Amino acid sequence: MSEKEPDAKLDCIGFFCPIPVVKTREEMNKLRKGQLLEVLADDPAAEGDIKYWIKATGQEIIDIKKEGERIRFLIRKTK
């Protein structure tokens, strides 16, 4: 699968719950339907929190990659 370049990037390294989810929501609100947001986080709770938020809001997870303590989400805005 060839990966598209995200339309926006959000660095949440060093931030802890609930900041990664709050900032993800704020950035997604700036995007148009179909655009991609890359989110970087190192909060152990971020994976579950962001996955829950994506499901609850009907967005789409394109990719999740873990590298050590860091996690990278690629999210498509669907609404």
N, C-alpha and C. Protein backbone atom coordinates (compact mmCIF):
# COMPACT_ATOMS: atom_id res chain seq x y z
N MET A 1 0.84 -1.17 0.00
CA MET A 1 0.00 0.00 0.00
C MET A 1 0.89 1.24 0.00
N SER A 2 0.72 2.09 -0.97
CA SER A 2 1.51 3.32 -0.99
C SER A 2 0.82 4.33 -0.07
N GLU A 3 1.63 4.97 0.73
CA GLU A 3 1.07 5.87 1.73
C GLU A 3 1.05 7.29 1.21
N LYS A 4 -0.08 7.93 1.36
CA LYS A 4 -0.23 9.32 0.94
C LYS A 4 0.40 10.24 1.98
N GLU A 5 0.87 11.38 1.52
CA GLU A 5 1.39 12.40 2.43
C GLU A 5 0.21 13.03 3.17
N PRO A 6 0.30 13.17 4.50
CA PRO A 6 -0.81 13.77 5.24
C PRO A 6 -0.99 15.24 4.88
N ASP A 7 -2.21 15.71 4.97
CA ASP A 7 -2.53 17.12 4.71
C ASP A 7 -2.14 18.00 5.90
N ALA A 8 -2.08 17.39 7.09
CA ALA A 8 -1.71 18.13 8.30
C ALA A 8 -1.00 17.16 9.25
N LYS A 9 -0.12 17.71 10.07
CA LYS A 9 0.61 16.90 11.05
C LYS A 9 0.43 17.52 12.43
N LEU A 10 0.28 16.64 13.43
CA LEU A 10 0.08 17.08 14.81
C LEU A 10 1.07 16.32 15.70
N ASP A 11 1.91 17.06 16.40
CA ASP A 11 2.91 16.47 17.29
C ASP A 11 2.42 16.60 18.73
N CYS A 12 2.02 15.46 19.32
CA CYS A 12 1.56 15.45 20.70
C CYS A 12 2.57 14.78 21.63
N ILE A 13 3.83 14.68 21.18
CA ILE A 13 4.87 14.08 22.02
C ILE A 13 5.02 14.92 23.29
N GLY A 14 4.99 14.24 24.43
CA GLY A 14 5.15 14.92 25.71
C GLY A 14 3.83 15.37 26.34
N PHE A 15 2.72 15.20 25.62
CA PHE A 15 1.41 15.57 26.16
C PHE A 15 0.69 14.30 26.63
N PHE A 16 -0.08 14.44 27.70
CA PHE A 16 -0.78 13.28 28.25
C PHE A 16 -2.28 13.54 28.29
N CYS A 17 -3.03 12.45 28.45
CA CYS A 17 -4.49 12.45 28.45
C CYS A 17 -5.02 13.62 29.26
N PRO A 18 -5.96 14.36 28.72
CA PRO A 18 -6.69 14.18 27.47
C PRO A 18 -6.15 15.00 26.29
N ILE A 19 -4.99 15.63 26.44
CA ILE A 19 -4.50 16.58 25.44
C ILE A 19 -4.38 15.98 24.03
N PRO A 20 -3.82 14.76 23.84
CA PRO A 20 -3.73 14.25 22.46
C PRO A 20 -5.09 14.15 21.76
N VAL A 21 -6.11 13.73 22.46
CA VAL A 21 -7.44 13.61 21.85
C VAL A 21 -8.02 15.00 21.59
N VAL A 22 -7.86 15.91 22.51
CA VAL A 22 -8.39 17.27 22.35
C VAL A 22 -7.73 17.93 21.14
N LYS A 23 -6.41 17.83 21.05
CA LYS A 23 -5.68 18.44 19.94
C LYS A 23 -6.03 17.75 18.61
N THR A 24 -6.22 16.44 18.63
CA THR A 24 -6.61 15.71 17.42
C THR A 24 -7.96 16.21 16.93
N ARG A 25 -8.91 16.37 17.84
CA ARG A 25 -10.22 16.89 17.46
C ARG A 25 -10.11 18.29 16.87
N GLU A 26 -9.33 19.15 17.50
CA GLU A 26 -9.16 20.52 17.00
C GLU A 26 -8.58 20.53 15.59
N GLU A 27 -7.56 19.70 15.34
CA GLU A 27 -6.94 19.65 14.01
C GLU A 27 -7.89 19.06 12.98
N MET A 28 -8.63 18.03 13.35
CA MET A 28 -9.58 17.41 12.41
C MET A 28 -10.66 18.41 12.00
N ASN A 29 -11.05 19.28 12.93
CA ASN A 29 -12.07 20.29 12.62
C ASN A 29 -11.59 21.28 11.55
N LYS A 30 -10.28 21.42 11.39
CA LYS A 30 -9.71 22.34 10.40
C LYS A 30 -9.64 21.73 9.00
N LEU A 31 -9.73 20.39 8.94
CA LEU A 31 -9.58 19.69 7.66
C LEU A 31 -10.89 19.56 6.92
N ARG A 32 -10.78 19.35 5.62
CA ARG A 32 -11.94 19.06 4.78
C ARG A 32 -12.13 17.55 4.69
N LYS A 33 -13.33 17.13 4.37
CA LYS A 33 -13.64 15.71 4.20
C LYS A 33 -12.65 15.09 3.21
N GLY A 34 -12.10 13.93 3.59
CA GLY A 34 -11.16 13.21 2.73
C GLY A 34 -9.70 13.52 3.01
N GLN A 35 -9.42 14.59 3.75
CA GLN A 35 -8.03 14.92 4.04
C GLN A 35 -7.48 14.03 5.16
N LEU A 36 -6.15 13.95 5.22
CA LEU A 36 -5.47 13.08 6.17
C LEU A 36 -4.74 13.89 7.24
N LEU A 37 -4.80 13.39 8.47
CA LEU A 37 -4.08 13.97 9.59
C LEU A 37 -3.13 12.93 10.15
N GLU A 38 -1.87 13.32 10.33
CA GLU A 38 -0.89 12.46 11.01
C GLU A 38 -0.76 12.96 12.44
N VAL A 39 -0.88 12.05 13.40
CA VAL A 39 -0.75 12.39 14.82
C VAL A 39 0.38 11.55 15.41
N LEU A 40 1.31 12.22 16.08
CA LEU A 40 2.38 11.54 16.81
C LEU A 40 2.13 11.71 18.29
N ALA A 41 2.24 10.62 19.04
CA ALA A 41 2.00 10.68 20.49
C ALA A 41 2.90 9.69 21.21
N ASP A 42 3.16 9.95 22.48
CA ASP A 42 3.92 9.00 23.30
C ASP A 42 3.22 8.70 24.62
N ASP A 43 2.00 9.17 24.78
CA ASP A 43 1.19 8.86 25.96
C ASP A 43 0.69 7.43 25.83
N PRO A 44 0.96 6.57 26.82
CA PRO A 44 0.50 5.18 26.72
C PRO A 44 -1.02 5.06 26.52
N ALA A 45 -1.79 6.03 27.00
CA ALA A 45 -3.24 5.99 26.85
C ALA A 45 -3.71 6.49 25.49
N ALA A 46 -2.82 7.12 24.73
CA ALA A 46 -3.24 7.77 23.47
C ALA A 46 -3.82 6.78 22.47
N GLU A 47 -3.24 5.58 22.36
CA GLU A 47 -3.75 4.63 21.37
C GLU A 47 -5.21 4.31 21.61
N GLY A 48 -5.55 3.92 22.82
CA GLY A 48 -6.94 3.59 23.13
C GLY A 48 -7.86 4.80 23.04
N ASP A 49 -7.38 5.94 23.54
CA ASP A 49 -8.20 7.16 23.53
C ASP A 49 -8.50 7.61 22.11
N ILE A 50 -7.48 7.65 21.27
CA ILE A 50 -7.67 8.14 19.91
C ILE A 50 -8.49 7.13 19.09
N LYS A 51 -8.25 5.84 19.27
CA LYS A 51 -9.07 4.83 18.57
C LYS A 51 -10.54 4.99 18.96
N TYR A 52 -10.81 5.20 20.25
CA TYR A 52 -12.19 5.36 20.71
C TYR A 52 -12.80 6.61 20.09
N TRP A 53 -12.05 7.72 20.08
CA TRP A 53 -12.56 8.97 19.52
C TRP A 53 -12.86 8.81 18.03
N ILE A 54 -11.97 8.14 17.30
CA ILE A 54 -12.17 7.92 15.87
C ILE A 54 -13.45 7.14 15.62
N LYS A 55 -13.65 6.07 16.39
CA LYS A 55 -14.86 5.25 16.23
C LYS A 55 -16.11 6.05 16.60
N ALA A 56 -16.04 6.79 17.69
CA ALA A 56 -17.19 7.56 18.17
C ALA A 56 -17.59 8.67 17.19
N THR A 57 -16.61 9.21 16.47
CA THR A 57 -16.90 10.33 15.56
C THR A 57 -17.02 9.90 14.11
N GLY A 58 -16.80 8.61 13.82
CA GLY A 58 -16.96 8.10 12.48
C GLY A 58 -15.84 8.44 11.52
N GLN A 59 -14.66 8.77 12.06
CA GLN A 59 -13.51 9.02 11.19
C GLN A 59 -12.90 7.66 10.81
N GLU A 60 -11.83 7.68 10.03
CA GLU A 60 -11.24 6.42 9.54
C GLU A 60 -9.76 6.35 9.87
N ILE A 61 -9.34 5.25 10.50
CA ILE A 61 -7.92 4.99 10.74
C ILE A 61 -7.34 4.40 9.47
N ILE A 62 -6.35 5.07 8.91
CA ILE A 62 -5.67 4.57 7.72
C ILE A 62 -4.49 3.70 8.15
N ASP A 63 -3.77 4.14 9.20
CA ASP A 63 -2.58 3.41 9.61
C ASP A 63 -2.24 3.76 11.06
N ILE A 64 -1.69 2.78 11.76
CA ILE A 64 -1.13 3.00 13.10
C ILE A 64 0.22 2.30 13.12
N LYS A 65 1.26 3.04 13.49
CA LYS A 65 2.60 2.47 13.60
C LYS A 65 3.17 2.79 14.96
N LYS A 66 3.73 1.75 15.60
CA LYS A 66 4.38 1.95 16.89
C LYS A 66 5.89 1.85 16.68
N GLU A 67 6.59 2.84 17.22
CA GLU A 67 8.05 2.83 17.18
C GLU A 67 8.54 3.13 18.58
N GLY A 68 8.91 2.09 19.31
CA GLY A 68 9.29 2.27 20.70
C GLY A 68 8.10 2.77 21.50
N GLU A 69 8.30 3.89 22.18
CA GLU A 69 7.22 4.47 23.00
C GLU A 69 6.31 5.37 22.19
N ARG A 70 6.69 5.66 20.96
CA ARG A 70 5.90 6.57 20.12
C ARG A 70 4.91 5.80 19.26
N ILE A 71 3.81 6.46 19.00
CA ILE A 71 2.79 5.89 18.13
C ILE A 71 2.40 6.95 17.10
N ARG A 72 2.24 6.49 15.87
CA ARG A 72 1.87 7.39 14.76
C ARG A 72 0.53 6.94 14.20
N PHE A 73 -0.42 7.85 14.18
CA PHE A 73 -1.74 7.59 13.61
C PHE A 73 -1.86 8.34 12.30
N LEU A 74 -2.48 7.72 11.31
CA LEU A 74 -2.86 8.41 10.08
C LEU A 74 -4.38 8.28 9.99
N ILE A 75 -5.07 9.42 10.06
CA ILE A 75 -6.53 9.45 10.16
C ILE A 75 -7.12 10.21 8.98
N ARG A 76 -8.16 9.62 8.36
CA ARG A 76 -8.87 10.31 7.28
C ARG A 76 -10.15 10.92 7.83
N LYS A 77 -10.38 12.18 7.50
CA LYS A 77 -11.62 12.84 7.90
C LYS A 77 -12.73 12.37 6.96
N THR A 78 -13.77 11.79 7.52
CA THR A 78 -14.86 11.25 6.71
C THR A 78 -16.13 12.09 6.82
N LYS A 79 -16.18 12.99 7.80
CA LYS A 79 -17.39 13.79 8.01
C LYS A 79 -17.00 15.25 8.19
